[in-house]
Amino acid sequence: MSRAYVGSIDQGTTGTRFIVFDHGGRVVANAYERHERRYPEPGWAEHDPIELWENTKAVVSRGLA
């Protein structure tokens, strides 16, 4: 059996998810972290890029652990 894995980062509007799949496509690890969305002006939405980066590092670390 292959020990190959695939990791996927999903950056959404409310959070960041990291999922690890095995060779058969089964989920073997999963981590999620919410992030804040800000509305500085009517009709505008923004995210803090530092928060996104920190959350991405955190979910990848937890998923690989």
PDB file of N, CA and C in Angstrom:
ATOM      1  N   MET A   1       0.846  -1.183   0.000  1.00  0.00           N
ATOM      2  CA  MET A   1       0.000   0.000   0.000  1.00  0.00           C
ATOM      3  C   MET A   1       0.886   1.240   0.000  1.00  0.00           C
ATOM      4  N   SER A   2       0.526   2.189  -0.817  1.00  0.00           N
ATOM      5  CA  SER A   2       1.277   3.440  -0.904  1.00  0.00           C
ATOM      6  C   SER A   2       1.074   4.281   0.349  1.00  0.00           C
ATOM      7  N   ARG A   3       2.134   4.948   0.778  1.00  0.00           N
ATOM      8  CA  ARG A   3       2.031   5.866   1.915  1.00  0.00           C
ATOM      9  C   ARG A   3       1.998   7.308   1.417  1.00  0.00           C
ATOM     10  N   ALA A   4       1.536   7.493   0.178  1.00  0.00           N
ATOM     11  CA  ALA A   4       1.421   8.835  -0.384  1.00  0.00           C
ATOM     12  C   ALA A   4       0.169   9.516   0.162  1.00  0.00           C
ATOM     13  N   TYR A   5       0.323  10.788   0.469  1.00  0.00           N
ATOM     14  CA  TYR A   5      -0.785  11.589   0.978  1.00  0.00           C
ATOM     15  C   TYR A   5      -0.871  12.877   0.171  1.00  0.00           C
ATOM     16  N   VAL A   6      -2.059  13.461   0.168  1.00  0.00           N
ATOM     17  CA  VAL A   6      -2.276  14.746  -0.480  1.00  0.00           C
ATOM     18  C   VAL A   6      -2.867  15.687   0.560  1.00  0.00           C
ATOM     19  N   GLY A   7      -2.290  16.879   0.672  1.00  0.00           N
ATOM     20  CA  GLY A   7      -2.819  17.898   1.575  1.00  0.00           C
ATOM     21  C   GLY A   7      -3.479  18.996   0.772  1.00  0.00           C
ATOM     22  N   SER A   8      -4.604  19.491   1.266  1.00  0.00           N
ATOM     23  CA  SER A   8      -5.352  20.529   0.566  1.00  0.00           C
ATOM     24  C   SER A   8      -5.700  21.656   1.530  1.00  0.00           C
ATOM     25  N   ILE A   9      -5.438  22.890   1.125  1.00  0.00           N
ATOM     26  CA  ILE A   9      -5.814  24.065   1.907  1.00  0.00           C
ATOM     27  C   ILE A   9      -7.024  24.708   1.243  1.00  0.00           C
ATOM     28  N   ASP A  10      -8.072  24.920   2.027  1.00  0.00           N
ATOM     29  CA  ASP A  10      -9.287  25.592   1.559  1.00  0.00           C
ATOM     30  C   ASP A  10      -9.391  26.906   2.311  1.00  0.00           C
ATOM     31  N   GLN A  11      -9.192  28.002   1.593  1.00  0.00           N
ATOM     32  CA  GLN A  11      -9.290  29.344   2.194  1.00  0.00           C
ATOM     33  C   GLN A  11     -10.645  29.901   1.835  1.00  0.00           C
ATOM     34  N   GLY A  12     -11.559  29.951   2.803  1.00  0.00           N
ATOM     35  CA  GLY A  12     -12.913  30.419   2.550  1.00  0.00           C
ATOM     36  C   GLY A  12     -13.158  31.799   3.142  1.00  0.00           C
ATOM     37  N   THR A  13     -14.396  32.232   3.070  1.00  0.00           N
ATOM     38  CA  THR A  13     -14.733  33.561   3.570  1.00  0.00           C
ATOM     39  C   THR A  13     -14.831  33.610   5.091  1.00  0.00           C
ATOM     40  N   THR A  14     -15.053  32.470   5.738  1.00  0.00           N
ATOM     41  CA  THR A  14     -15.179  32.462   7.195  1.00  0.00           C
ATOM     42  C   THR A  14     -14.056  31.721   7.901  1.00  0.00           C
ATOM     43  N   GLY A  15     -13.231  30.985   7.154  1.00  0.00           N
ATOM     44  CA  GLY A  15     -12.168  30.245   7.816  1.00  0.00           C
ATOM     45  C   GLY A  15     -11.236  29.554   6.841  1.00  0.00           C
ATOM     46  N   THR A  16     -10.240  28.897   7.436  1.00  0.00           N
ATOM     47  CA  THR A  16      -9.229  28.162   6.693  1.00  0.00           C
ATOM     48  C   THR A  16      -9.277  26.707   7.132  1.00  0.00           C
ATOM     49  N   ARG A  17      -9.283  25.803   6.167  1.00  0.00           N
ATOM     50  CA  ARG A  17      -9.329  24.369   6.453  1.00  0.00           C
ATOM     51  C   ARG A  17      -8.157  23.685   5.760  1.00  0.00           C
ATOM     52  N   PHE A  18      -7.594  22.694   6.438  1.00  0.00           N
ATOM     53  CA  PHE A  18      -6.560  21.844   5.851  1.00  0.00           C
ATOM     54  C   PHE A  18      -7.016  20.398   5.993  1.00  0.00           C
ATOM     55  N   ILE A  19      -7.021  19.663   4.886  1.00  0.00           N
ATOM     56  CA  ILE A  19      -7.453  18.264   4.885  1.00  0.00           C
ATOM     57  C   ILE A  19      -6.338  17.428   4.261  1.00  0.00           C
ATOM     58  N   VAL A  20      -6.056  16.284   4.875  1.00  0.00           N
ATOM     59  CA  VAL A  20      -5.084  15.337   4.341  1.00  0.00           C
ATOM     60  C   VAL A  20      -5.836  14.087   3.889  1.00  0.00           C
ATOM     61  N   PHE A  21      -5.574  13.668   2.649  1.00  0.00           N
ATOM     62  CA  PHE A  21      -6.200  12.485   2.063  1.00  0.00           C
ATOM     63  C   PHE A  21      -5.145  11.403   1.865  1.00  0.00           C
ATOM     64  N   ASP A  22      -5.550  10.142   2.054  1.00  0.00           N
ATOM     65  CA  ASP A  22      -4.637   9.043   1.777  1.00  0.00           C
ATOM     66  C   ASP A  22      -4.730   8.652   0.298  1.00  0.00           C
ATOM     67  N   HIS A  23      -3.996   7.607  -0.067  1.00  0.00           N
ATOM     68  CA  HIS A  23      -3.930   7.158  -1.468  1.00  0.00           C
ATOM     69  C   HIS A  23      -5.314   6.769  -2.003  1.00  0.00           C
ATOM     70  N   GLY A  24      -6.193   6.303  -1.121  1.00  0.00           N
ATOM     71  CA  GLY A  24      -7.536   5.900  -1.536  1.00  0.00           C
ATOM     72  C   GLY A  24      -8.553   7.029  -1.530  1.00  0.00           C
ATOM     73  N   GLY A  25      -8.109   8.251  -1.212  1.00  0.00           N
ATOM     74  CA  GLY A  25      -9.003   9.389  -1.198  1.00  0.00           C
ATOM     75  C   GLY A  25      -9.757   9.581   0.105  1.00  0.00           C
ATOM     76  N   ARG A  26      -9.388   8.806   1.134  1.00  0.00           N
ATOM     77  CA  ARG A  26     -10.035   8.941   2.435  1.00  0.00           C
ATOM     78  C   ARG A  26      -9.385  10.058   3.239  1.00  0.00           C
ATOM     79  N   VAL A  27     -10.202  10.805   3.985  1.00  0.00           N
ATOM     80  CA  VAL A  27      -9.694  11.871   4.853  1.00  0.00           C
ATOM     81  C   VAL A  27      -9.013  11.224   6.056  1.00  0.00           C
ATOM     82  N   VAL A  28      -7.742  11.579   6.281  1.00  0.00           N
ATOM     83  CA  VAL A  28      -7.001  11.033   7.421  1.00  0.00           C
ATOM     84  C   VAL A  28      -6.677  12.102   8.455  1.00  0.00           C
ATOM     85  N   ALA A  29      -6.826  13.366   8.102  1.00  0.00           N
ATOM     86  CA  ALA A  29      -6.604  14.463   9.055  1.00  0.00           C
ATOM     87  C   ALA A  29      -7.378  15.681   8.562  1.00  0.00           C
ATOM     88  N   ASN A  30      -7.765  16.529   9.523  1.00  0.00           N
ATOM     89  CA  ASN A  30      -8.594  17.671   9.196  1.00  0.00           C
ATOM     90  C   ASN A  30      -8.403  18.721  10.289  1.00  0.00           C
ATOM     91  N   ALA A  31      -8.220  19.977   9.919  1.00  0.00           N
ATOM     92  CA  ALA A  31      -8.105  21.065  10.900  1.00  0.00           C
ATOM     93  C   ALA A  31      -8.781  22.303  10.317  1.00  0.00           C
ATOM     94  N   TYR A  32      -9.388  23.116  11.208  1.00  0.00           N
ATOM     95  CA  TYR A  32     -10.130  24.298  10.774  1.00  0.00           C
ATOM     96  C   TYR A  32      -9.895  25.434  11.762  1.00  0.00           C
ATOM     97  N   GLU A  33      -9.806  26.641  11.229  1.00  0.00           N
ATOM     98  CA  GLU A  33      -9.637  27.841  12.059  1.00  0.00           C
ATOM     99  C   GLU A  33     -10.489  28.960  11.451  1.00  0.00           C
ATOM    100  N   ARG A  34     -11.335  29.572  12.270  1.00  0.00           N
ATOM    101  CA  ARG A  34     -12.152  30.706  11.807  1.00  0.00           C
ATOM    102  C   ARG A  34     -11.291  31.963  11.726  1.00  0.00           C
ATOM    103  N   HIS A  35     -11.686  32.877  10.840  1.00  0.00           N
ATOM    104  CA  HIS A  35     -11.046  34.191  10.805  1.00  0.00           C
ATOM    105  C   HIS A  35     -12.115  35.278  10.669  1.00  0.00           C
ATOM    106  N   GLU A  36     -11.700  36.462  11.031  1.00  0.00           N
ATOM    107  CA  GLU A  36     -12.616  37.601  11.053  1.00  0.00           C
ATOM    108  C   GLU A  36     -12.711  38.244   9.673  1.00  0.00           C
ATOM    109  N   ARG A  37     -13.917  38.638   9.344  1.00  0.00           N
ATOM    110  CA  ARG A  37     -14.145  39.411   8.121  1.00  0.00           C
ATOM    111  C   ARG A  37     -14.561  40.806   8.563  1.00  0.00           C
ATOM    112  N   ARG A  38     -13.970  41.817   7.961  1.00  0.00           N
ATOM    113  CA  ARG A  38     -14.258  43.202   8.343  1.00  0.00           C
ATOM    114  C   ARG A  38     -15.000  43.911   7.206  1.00  0.00           C
ATOM    115  N   TYR A  39     -15.800  44.875   7.590  1.00  0.00           N
ATOM    116  CA  TYR A  39     -16.585  45.663   6.630  1.00  0.00           C
ATOM    117  C   TYR A  39     -16.253  47.134   6.863  1.00  0.00           C
ATOM    118  N   PRO A  40     -15.142  47.630   6.281  1.00  0.00           N
ATOM    119  CA  PRO A  40     -14.717  49.006   6.541  1.00  0.00           C
ATOM    120  C   PRO A  40     -15.618  50.071   5.921  1.00  0.00           C
ATOM    121  N   GLU A  41     -16.311  49.721   4.866  1.00  0.00           N
ATOM    122  CA  GLU A  41     -17.228  50.634   4.171  1.00  0.00           C
ATOM    123  C   GLU A  41     -18.431  49.821   3.707  1.00  0.00           C
ATOM    124  N   PRO A  42     -19.574  50.460   3.511  1.00  0.00           N
ATOM    125  CA  PRO A  42     -20.719  49.724   2.957  1.00  0.00           C
ATOM    126  C   PRO A  42     -20.356  49.065   1.623  1.00  0.00           C
ATOM    127  N   GLY A  43     -20.647  47.786   1.518  1.00  0.00           N
ATOM    128  CA  GLY A  43     -20.360  47.048   0.292  1.00  0.00           C
ATOM    129  C   GLY A  43     -18.944  46.508   0.194  1.00  0.00           C
ATOM    130  N   TRP A  44     -18.089  46.813   1.157  1.00  0.00           N
ATOM    131  CA  TRP A  44     -16.713  46.318   1.166  1.00  0.00           C
ATOM    132  C   TRP A  44     -16.591  45.181   2.169  1.00  0.00           C
ATOM    133  N   ALA A  45     -15.701  44.251   1.881  1.00  0.00           N
ATOM    134  CA  ALA A  45     -15.346  43.190   2.836  1.00  0.00           C
ATOM    135  C   ALA A  45     -13.853  42.954   2.704  1.00  0.00           C
ATOM    136  N   GLU A  46     -13.197  42.728   3.824  1.00  0.00           N
ATOM    137  CA  GLU A  46     -11.758  42.482   3.776  1.00  0.00           C
ATOM    138  C   GLU A  46     -11.351  41.530   4.886  1.00  0.00           C
ATOM    139  N   HIS A  47     -10.175  40.909   4.686  1.00  0.00           N
ATOM    140  CA  HIS A  47      -9.574  40.020   5.665  1.00  0.00           C
ATOM    141  C   HIS A  47      -8.166  40.523   5.965  1.00  0.00           C
ATOM    142  N   ASP A  48      -7.706  40.257   7.158  1.00  0.00           N
ATOM    143  CA  ASP A  48      -6.346  40.605   7.549  1.00  0.00           C
ATOM    144  C   ASP A  48      -5.398  39.547   6.982  1.00  0.00           C
ATOM    145  N   PRO A  49      -4.487  39.907   6.079  1.00  0.00           N
ATOM    146  CA  PRO A  49      -3.606  38.910   5.470  1.00  0.00           C
ATOM    147  C   PRO A  49      -2.697  38.213   6.484  1.00  0.00           C
ATOM    148  N   ILE A  50      -2.309  38.907   7.540  1.00  0.00           N
ATOM    149  CA  ILE A  50      -1.474  38.277   8.569  1.00  0.00           C
ATOM    150  C   ILE A  50      -2.280  37.199   9.303  1.00  0.00           C
ATOM    151  N   GLU A  51      -3.543  37.502   9.616  1.00  0.00           N
ATOM    152  CA  GLU A  51      -4.403  36.508  10.263  1.00  0.00           C
ATOM    153  C   GLU A  51      -4.595  35.290   9.371  1.00  0.00           C
ATOM    154  N   LEU A  52      -4.809  35.515   8.066  1.00  0.00           N
ATOM    155  CA  LEU A  52      -4.957  34.395   7.133  1.00  0.00           C
ATOM    156  C   LEU A  52      -3.701  33.534   7.110  1.00  0.00           C
ATOM    157  N   TRP A  53      -2.538  34.157   7.058  1.00  0.00           N
ATOM    158  CA  TRP A  53      -1.274  33.432   7.030  1.00  0.00           C
ATOM    159  C   TRP A  53      -1.064  32.638   8.316  1.00  0.00           C
ATOM    160  N   GLU A  54      -1.307  33.278   9.467  1.00  0.00           N
ATOM    161  CA  GLU A  54      -1.137  32.599  10.754  1.00  0.00           C
ATOM    162  C   GLU A  54      -2.113  31.427  10.882  1.00  0.00           C
ATOM    163  N   ASN A  55      -3.356  31.616  10.458  1.00  0.00           N
ATOM    164  CA  ASN A  55      -4.328  30.527  10.503  1.00  0.00           C
ATOM    165  C   ASN A  55      -3.947  29.388   9.571  1.00  0.00           C
ATOM    166  N   THR A  56      -3.413  29.723   8.404  1.00  0.00           N
ATOM    167  CA  THR A  56      -2.991  28.681   7.464  1.00  0.00           C
ATOM    168  C   THR A  56      -1.855  27.861   8.056  1.00  0.00           C
ATOM    169  N   LYS A  57      -0.860  28.527   8.640  1.00  0.00           N
ATOM    170  CA  LYS A  57       0.237  27.790   9.280  1.00  0.00           C
ATOM    171  C   LYS A  57      -0.289  26.910  10.411  1.00  0.00           C
ATOM    172  N   ALA A  58      -1.240  27.427  11.181  1.00  0.00           N
ATOM    173  CA  ALA A  58      -1.774  26.677  12.324  1.00  0.00           C
ATOM    174  C   ALA A  58      -2.527  25.411  11.881  1.00  0.00           C
ATOM    175  N   VAL A  59      -3.385  25.520  10.857  1.00  0.00           N
ATOM    176  CA  VAL A  59      -4.150  24.350  10.449  1.00  0.00           C
ATOM    177  C   VAL A  59      -3.273  23.304   9.772  1.00  0.00           C
ATOM    178  N   VAL A  60      -2.271  23.744   9.022  1.00  0.00           N
ATOM    179  CA  VAL A  60      -1.347  22.788   8.405  1.00  0.00           C
ATOM    180  C   VAL A  60      -0.558  22.056   9.487  1.00  0.00           C
ATOM    181  N   SER A  61      -0.088  22.776  10.472  1.00  0.00           N
ATOM    182  CA  SER A  61       0.660  22.143  11.570  1.00  0.00           C
ATOM    183  C   SER A  61      -0.210  21.135  12.308  1.00  0.00           C
ATOM    184  N   ARG A  62      -1.441  21.529  12.640  1.00  0.00           N
ATOM    185  CA  ARG A  62      -2.338  20.601  13.354  1.00  0.00           C
ATOM    186  C   ARG A  62      -2.705  19.397  12.488  1.00  0.00           C
ATOM    187  N   GLY A  63      -2.947  19.650  11.216  1.00  0.00           N
ATOM    188  CA  GLY A  63      -3.318  18.543  10.322  1.00  0.00           C
ATOM    189  C   GLY A  63      -2.187  17.536  10.131  1.00  0.00           C
ATOM    190  N   LEU A  64      -0.967  18.022  10.091  1.00  0.00           N
ATOM    191  CA  LEU A  64       0.183  17.115   9.908  1.00  0.00           C
ATOM    192  C   LEU A  64       0.583  16.411  11.200  1.00  0.00           C
ATOM    193  N   ALA A  65       0.179  16.990  12.333  1.00  0.00           N
ATOM    194  CA  ALA A  65       0.524  16.358  13.622  1.00  0.00           C
ATOM    195  C   ALA A  65      -0.280  15.072  13.792  1.00  0.00           C
TER     196      ALA A  65
END
